[in-house]
Amino acid sequence: MRIDQLLVERGLAASRSQAQRLIAGGVKWQQPDGSWRAIVKNRDEVPDGAALELLDDAESRYVSRGGLKLEGALKATGVLVEGLRCLDVGQSTGGFTDCLLQHGAAEVVGIDVGHAQVHSRISQDERVVCIEGVNARELVPGDERIPEALEGFDLVVGDVSFISLTLVLPGVVHLLKPTGQLLMLVKPQFELQPGQVGKGGIVKDDTHFPFIENRVRTALSELGMQVTAWLDSPIEGGDGNHEFFVQACWPDPAAVAPAREKAREAHEADLAALAYAKANDY
């Protein structure tokens, strides 16, 4: 069997692409005479029952590389996940969710605009709630699609693509508890104009990075949040982009609940007005 297929079949990799990254890090298999032979190519054939050794199995800890990114950000910021109720925005395969679970999260609610992407090991975990077909940009205070949305989350993490993080934040921050923390991945290729992004979606000009940081910081400040950290992602994106994490919190927790209730009431008033206009053909 091809080695990349065998790694997936044995559960050592969540996908062929992850298996291929493990192979690039180094994989050996034990031959019948007991000696070990290094894998050279993804398509190398290995006996189905052969013993395998991963020389660098860091990526195998999580269902996707996203887990390693978040792990590094948690360590750098000192955020302790044990016992927290968390929201994962842009859940995708579930790398961030996997990391949260392995760090002791009590519950993780994951949302994604797509369908059927979450790895079965994650979706079948009783601590996980997967909500598909939800655009984070459309989230509202007390959103009924989110379990116990009014209660809020202790920690909100996220990894969104093909949209600026600044467009997602307004809906997301209203789901954060007054004492909660936000820790979101920032992908530079989605914060710039198309002409500023190179071939393959790569941002090679690092002079754009201060603009991106200021843009995200400003968006959070306008939402009433305080940025407490801006840091490099511990590993590059799968496309080779230099990525970042932003950490933020509410500077005055006591003021959050009244403001949130006011926003919720305003949203409900808007919905009522729209319903009235529709009913009366306005």
Protein backbone atom coordinates (compact mmCIF):
# COMPACT_ATOMS: atom_id res chain seq x y z
CA MET A 1 0.00 0.00 0.00
CA ARG A 2 1.17 3.55 -0.65
CA ILE A 3 2.72 4.98 2.50
CA ASP A 4 0.52 8.11 2.49
CA GLN A 5 -2.58 5.91 2.30
CA LEU A 6 -1.28 3.60 5.03
CA LEU A 7 -0.68 6.51 7.42
CA VAL A 8 -4.30 7.60 7.00
CA GLU A 9 -5.65 4.04 7.33
CA ARG A 10 -3.80 3.57 10.63
CA GLY A 11 -5.07 6.86 11.99
CA LEU A 12 -1.61 8.42 12.12
CA ALA A 13 -2.77 11.18 9.76
CA ALA A 14 -6.19 12.73 9.29
CA SER A 15 -5.79 13.16 5.53
CA ARG A 16 -3.50 12.38 2.62
CA SER A 17 -2.16 15.92 2.70
CA GLN A 18 -1.27 15.60 6.40
CA ALA A 19 0.31 12.22 5.71
CA GLN A 20 2.48 13.80 3.04
CA ARG A 21 3.66 16.45 5.48
CA LEU A 22 4.56 13.72 7.97
CA ILE A 23 6.52 11.96 5.24
CA ALA A 24 8.39 15.19 4.53
CA GLY A 25 9.29 15.29 8.24
CA GLY A 26 10.62 11.74 8.09
CA VAL A 27 9.03 8.28 8.17
CA LYS A 28 10.75 4.88 8.36
CA TRP A 29 9.35 1.38 7.99
CA GLN A 30 10.76 -1.90 9.33
CA GLN A 31 11.76 -4.44 6.70
CA PRO A 32 11.38 -8.24 7.14
CA ASP A 33 15.03 -8.56 8.20
CA GLY A 34 14.45 -6.09 11.05
CA SER A 35 16.30 -3.17 9.50
CA TRP A 36 14.66 0.21 9.02
CA ARG A 37 14.28 1.94 5.68
CA ALA A 38 13.48 5.62 5.14
CA ILE A 39 10.51 6.63 3.02
CA VAL A 40 11.57 8.77 0.08
CA LYS A 41 8.34 9.51 -1.78
CA ASN A 42 4.64 9.74 -0.93
CA ARG A 43 3.92 6.92 -3.37
CA ASP A 44 6.48 4.49 -1.91
CA GLU A 45 4.89 1.07 -1.36
CA VAL A 46 5.03 -0.47 2.12
CA PRO A 47 3.64 -3.83 3.34
CA ASP A 48 0.29 -3.30 5.07
CA GLY A 49 1.52 -4.83 8.33
CA ALA A 50 4.89 -3.07 8.46
CA ALA A 51 5.94 -1.25 11.63
CA LEU A 52 6.28 2.50 11.09
CA GLU A 53 8.29 5.17 12.88
CA LEU A 54 7.58 8.88 12.58
CA LEU A 55 10.74 10.92 12.98
CA ASP A 56 8.78 14.14 13.55
CA ASP A 57 5.23 13.47 14.64
CA ALA A 58 4.32 16.98 15.82
CA GLU A 59 1.62 17.34 13.18
CA SER A 60 0.06 14.02 14.08
CA ARG A 61 -1.03 15.40 17.46
CA TYR A 62 -3.96 17.22 15.88
CA VAL A 63 -6.35 16.60 13.00
CA SER A 64 -4.87 19.56 11.13
CA ARG A 65 -1.92 21.97 11.29
CA GLY A 66 -4.27 24.52 12.82
CA GLY A 67 -3.88 22.71 16.13
CA LEU A 68 -0.16 23.47 16.17
CA LYS A 69 -0.82 27.13 15.41
CA LEU A 70 -3.27 27.52 18.28
CA GLU A 71 -1.07 25.48 20.63
CA GLY A 72 1.76 27.94 20.05
CA ALA A 73 -0.52 30.94 20.56
CA LEU A 74 -1.89 29.52 23.82
CA LYS A 75 1.62 29.00 25.14
CA ALA A 76 2.77 32.46 24.06
CA THR A 77 -0.20 34.27 25.62
CA GLY A 78 -0.49 32.10 28.71
CA VAL A 79 -4.17 31.38 28.10
CA LEU A 80 -5.32 28.40 30.19
CA VAL A 81 -8.12 26.43 28.53
CA GLU A 82 -8.88 23.95 31.33
CA GLY A 83 -12.61 23.91 32.09
CA LEU A 84 -13.53 26.70 29.66
CA ARG A 85 -16.54 26.93 27.36
CA CYS A 86 -15.10 27.80 23.95
CA LEU A 87 -16.29 28.92 20.52
CA ASP A 88 -14.32 27.93 17.41
CA VAL A 89 -15.14 30.23 14.48
CA GLY A 90 -14.35 28.66 11.11
CA GLN A 91 -14.05 25.16 12.53
CA SER A 92 -13.24 23.44 9.21
CA THR A 93 -11.48 20.11 9.90
CA GLY A 94 -11.31 20.85 13.61
CA GLY A 95 -7.64 21.59 14.30
CA PHE A 96 -8.36 24.43 16.72
CA THR A 97 -11.13 22.43 18.39
CA ASP A 98 -8.78 19.45 18.77
CA CYS A 99 -6.19 21.67 20.44
CA LEU A 100 -8.77 23.12 22.84
CA LEU A 101 -9.99 19.65 23.81
CA GLN A 102 -6.47 18.37 24.40
CA HIS A 103 -5.85 21.38 26.64
CA GLY A 104 -8.87 20.58 28.80
CA ALA A 105 -11.77 22.62 27.38
CA ALA A 106 -15.10 21.64 28.96
CA GLU A 107 -17.06 22.35 25.78
CA VAL A 108 -16.33 23.57 22.26
CA VAL A 109 -19.02 24.92 19.96
CA GLY A 110 -17.74 25.10 16.40
CA ILE A 111 -19.32 27.02 13.54
CA ASP A 112 -18.48 26.96 9.86
CA VAL A 113 -20.14 28.14 6.67
CA GLY A 114 -19.30 24.79 5.05
CA HIS A 115 -20.66 21.29 5.58
CA ALA A 116 -19.22 17.85 6.39
CA GLN A 117 -15.66 19.10 6.97
CA VAL A 118 -15.09 18.23 10.63
CA HIS A 119 -12.94 15.17 11.29
CA SER A 120 -15.01 12.32 12.73
CA ARG A 121 -12.80 12.09 15.83
CA ILE A 122 -13.80 15.66 16.65
CA SER A 123 -17.46 15.62 15.64
CA GLN A 124 -18.08 12.45 17.68
CA ASP A 125 -16.58 13.88 20.87
CA GLU A 126 -19.37 14.51 23.40
CA ARG A 127 -17.79 17.83 24.38
CA VAL A 128 -18.17 19.19 20.84
CA VAL A 129 -21.15 20.82 19.13
CA CYS A 130 -20.70 21.35 15.38
CA ILE A 131 -22.95 23.92 13.70
CA GLU A 132 -22.69 23.91 9.91
CA GLY A 133 -23.88 26.39 7.32
CA VAL A 134 -23.44 29.43 9.57
CA ASN A 135 -21.70 32.52 8.23
CA ALA A 136 -19.84 34.14 11.13
CA ARG A 137 -20.39 37.52 9.51
CA GLU A 138 -24.13 37.15 10.14
CA LEU A 139 -23.95 36.33 13.85
CA VAL A 140 -26.04 38.57 16.11
CA PRO A 141 -26.31 39.11 19.90
CA GLY A 142 -28.08 36.14 21.47
CA ASP A 143 -28.02 34.26 18.15
CA GLU A 144 -30.52 31.41 18.48
CA ARG A 145 -28.42 29.14 16.27
CA ILE A 146 -25.69 29.06 18.92
CA PRO A 147 -26.37 26.99 22.08
CA GLU A 148 -26.77 29.26 25.12
CA ALA A 149 -25.52 32.24 23.13
CA LEU A 150 -26.71 34.69 25.77
CA GLU A 151 -24.56 32.92 28.36
CA GLY A 152 -21.51 33.60 26.22
CA PHE A 153 -18.13 31.91 25.89
CA ASP A 154 -15.02 32.06 28.06
CA LEU A 155 -12.76 31.87 25.02
CA VAL A 156 -13.40 32.56 21.35
CA VAL A 157 -10.84 31.33 18.82
CA GLY A 158 -11.04 31.39 15.07
CA ASP A 159 -9.46 30.77 11.70
CA VAL A 160 -11.48 32.22 8.81
CA SER A 161 -10.60 32.30 5.12
CA PHE A 162 -11.67 34.26 2.04
CA ILE A 163 -12.95 37.10 4.21
CA SER A 164 -11.34 39.84 6.26
CA LEU A 165 -11.30 39.15 9.97
CA THR A 166 -12.58 42.70 10.48
CA LEU A 167 -15.89 41.70 8.86
CA VAL A 168 -16.31 38.71 11.17
CA LEU A 169 -15.43 40.37 14.47
CA PRO A 170 -18.65 42.43 14.96
CA GLY A 171 -20.80 39.31 15.24
CA VAL A 172 -18.23 37.25 17.12
CA VAL A 173 -17.44 39.62 19.99
CA HIS A 174 -21.07 39.65 21.14
CA LEU A 175 -20.74 35.94 21.94
CA LEU A 176 -17.85 36.54 24.34
CA LYS A 177 -18.44 36.69 28.10
CA PRO A 178 -17.61 40.00 29.81
CA THR A 179 -14.58 38.29 31.35
CA GLY A 180 -13.78 36.23 28.26
CA GLN A 181 -10.84 36.33 25.88
CA LEU A 182 -10.57 36.44 22.11
CA LEU A 183 -7.70 34.71 20.26
CA MET A 184 -8.02 34.83 16.48
CA LEU A 185 -5.72 33.90 13.60
CA VAL A 186 -5.00 36.72 11.14
CA LYS A 187 -4.30 35.72 7.53
CA PRO A 188 -2.63 38.62 5.67
CA GLN A 189 -3.81 37.61 2.19
CA PHE A 190 -7.41 38.30 3.21
CA GLU A 191 -6.68 41.71 4.76
CA LEU A 192 -5.20 43.30 1.63
CA GLN A 193 -6.37 44.35 -1.81
CA PRO A 194 -5.89 41.73 -4.59
CA GLY A 195 -3.12 43.81 -6.16
CA GLN A 196 -1.12 43.65 -2.94
CA VAL A 197 -1.14 39.86 -2.85
CA GLY A 198 1.33 37.89 -4.93
CA LYS A 199 0.97 34.78 -7.03
CA GLY A 200 -0.65 31.87 -5.22
CA GLY A 201 -2.08 34.19 -2.56
CA ILE A 202 1.32 34.78 -0.94
CA VAL A 203 2.08 38.10 0.76
CA LYS A 204 5.83 38.46 0.25
CA ASP A 205 6.14 42.15 1.08
CA ASP A 206 6.32 42.36 4.86
CA THR A 207 5.92 46.15 4.73
CA HIS A 208 2.18 45.39 4.53
CA PHE A 209 2.19 43.78 7.97
CA PRO A 210 2.00 47.00 10.06
CA PHE A 211 -1.04 48.08 8.02
CA ILE A 212 -2.73 44.72 8.69
CA GLU A 213 -2.01 44.92 12.40
CA ASN A 214 -3.37 48.47 12.60
CA ARG A 215 -6.48 47.47 10.65
CA VAL A 216 -7.33 44.62 13.01
CA ARG A 217 -6.48 46.63 16.13
CA THR A 218 -8.70 49.49 14.95
CA ALA A 219 -11.60 47.15 14.22
CA LEU A 220 -11.42 45.68 17.72
CA SER A 221 -11.08 49.10 19.34
CA GLU A 222 -14.18 50.35 17.52
CA LEU A 223 -16.04 47.35 18.95
CA GLY A 224 -14.96 48.36 22.45
CA MET A 225 -12.30 45.69 22.89
CA GLN A 226 -8.73 46.03 24.08
CA VAL A 227 -5.93 44.26 22.23
CA THR A 228 -3.63 42.57 24.73
CA ALA A 229 -1.26 40.81 22.32
CA TRP A 230 -0.26 40.66 18.67
CA LEU A 231 2.08 37.79 17.85
CA ASP A 232 3.45 35.69 15.04
CA SER A 233 1.87 32.32 14.38
CA PRO A 234 4.38 29.62 15.40
CA ILE A 235 4.19 28.03 11.94
CA GLU A 236 3.41 29.35 8.48
CA GLY A 237 0.11 28.82 6.75
CA GLY A 238 -0.20 25.81 4.47
CA ASP A 239 0.40 28.12 1.51
CA GLY A 240 3.56 29.54 3.07
CA ASN A 241 2.10 32.82 4.32
CA HIS A 242 3.37 34.50 7.48
CA GLU A 243 0.34 34.57 9.79
CA PHE A 244 -0.45 36.26 13.10
CA PHE A 245 -2.63 35.91 16.19
CA VAL A 246 -4.47 38.73 17.91
CA GLN A 247 -5.59 38.48 21.54
CA ALA A 248 -8.22 40.82 22.98
CA CYS A 249 -10.58 41.25 25.93
CA TRP A 250 -13.22 43.66 27.26
CA PRO A 251 -11.47 46.47 29.20
CA ASP A 252 -14.54 47.06 31.41
CA PRO A 253 -16.40 43.77 31.98
CA ALA A 254 -19.14 45.46 34.03
CA ALA A 255 -20.19 47.58 31.05
CA VAL A 256 -20.50 44.68 28.63
CA ALA A 257 -23.84 43.20 29.70
CA PRO A 258 -25.84 46.46 29.46
CA ALA A 259 -24.31 47.29 26.08
CA ARG A 260 -24.98 43.79 24.80
CA GLU A 261 -28.61 43.90 25.94
CA LYS A 262 -29.03 47.23 24.19
CA ALA A 263 -27.55 45.78 20.99
CA ARG A 264 -29.83 42.75 21.24
CA GLU A 265 -32.91 44.92 21.71
CA ALA A 266 -31.90 47.08 18.76
CA HIS A 267 -31.47 44.00 16.60
CA GLU A 268 -34.89 42.66 17.62
CA ALA A 269 -36.43 46.06 16.84
CA ASP A 270 -34.85 45.97 13.39
CA LEU A 271 -36.25 42.49 12.77
CA ALA A 272 -39.71 43.60 13.91
CA ALA A 273 -39.57 46.62 11.61
CA LEU A 274 -38.55 44.45 8.67
CA ALA A 275 -41.34 41.98 9.39
CA TYR A 276 -43.89 44.80 9.61
CA ALA A 277 -42.68 46.35 6.37
CA LYS A 278 -42.86 42.99 4.61
CA ALA A 279 -46.35 42.28 5.94
CA ASN A 280 -47.57 45.68 4.75
CA ASP A 281 -45.72 45.62 1.41
CA TYR A 282 -43.55 48.62 2.29
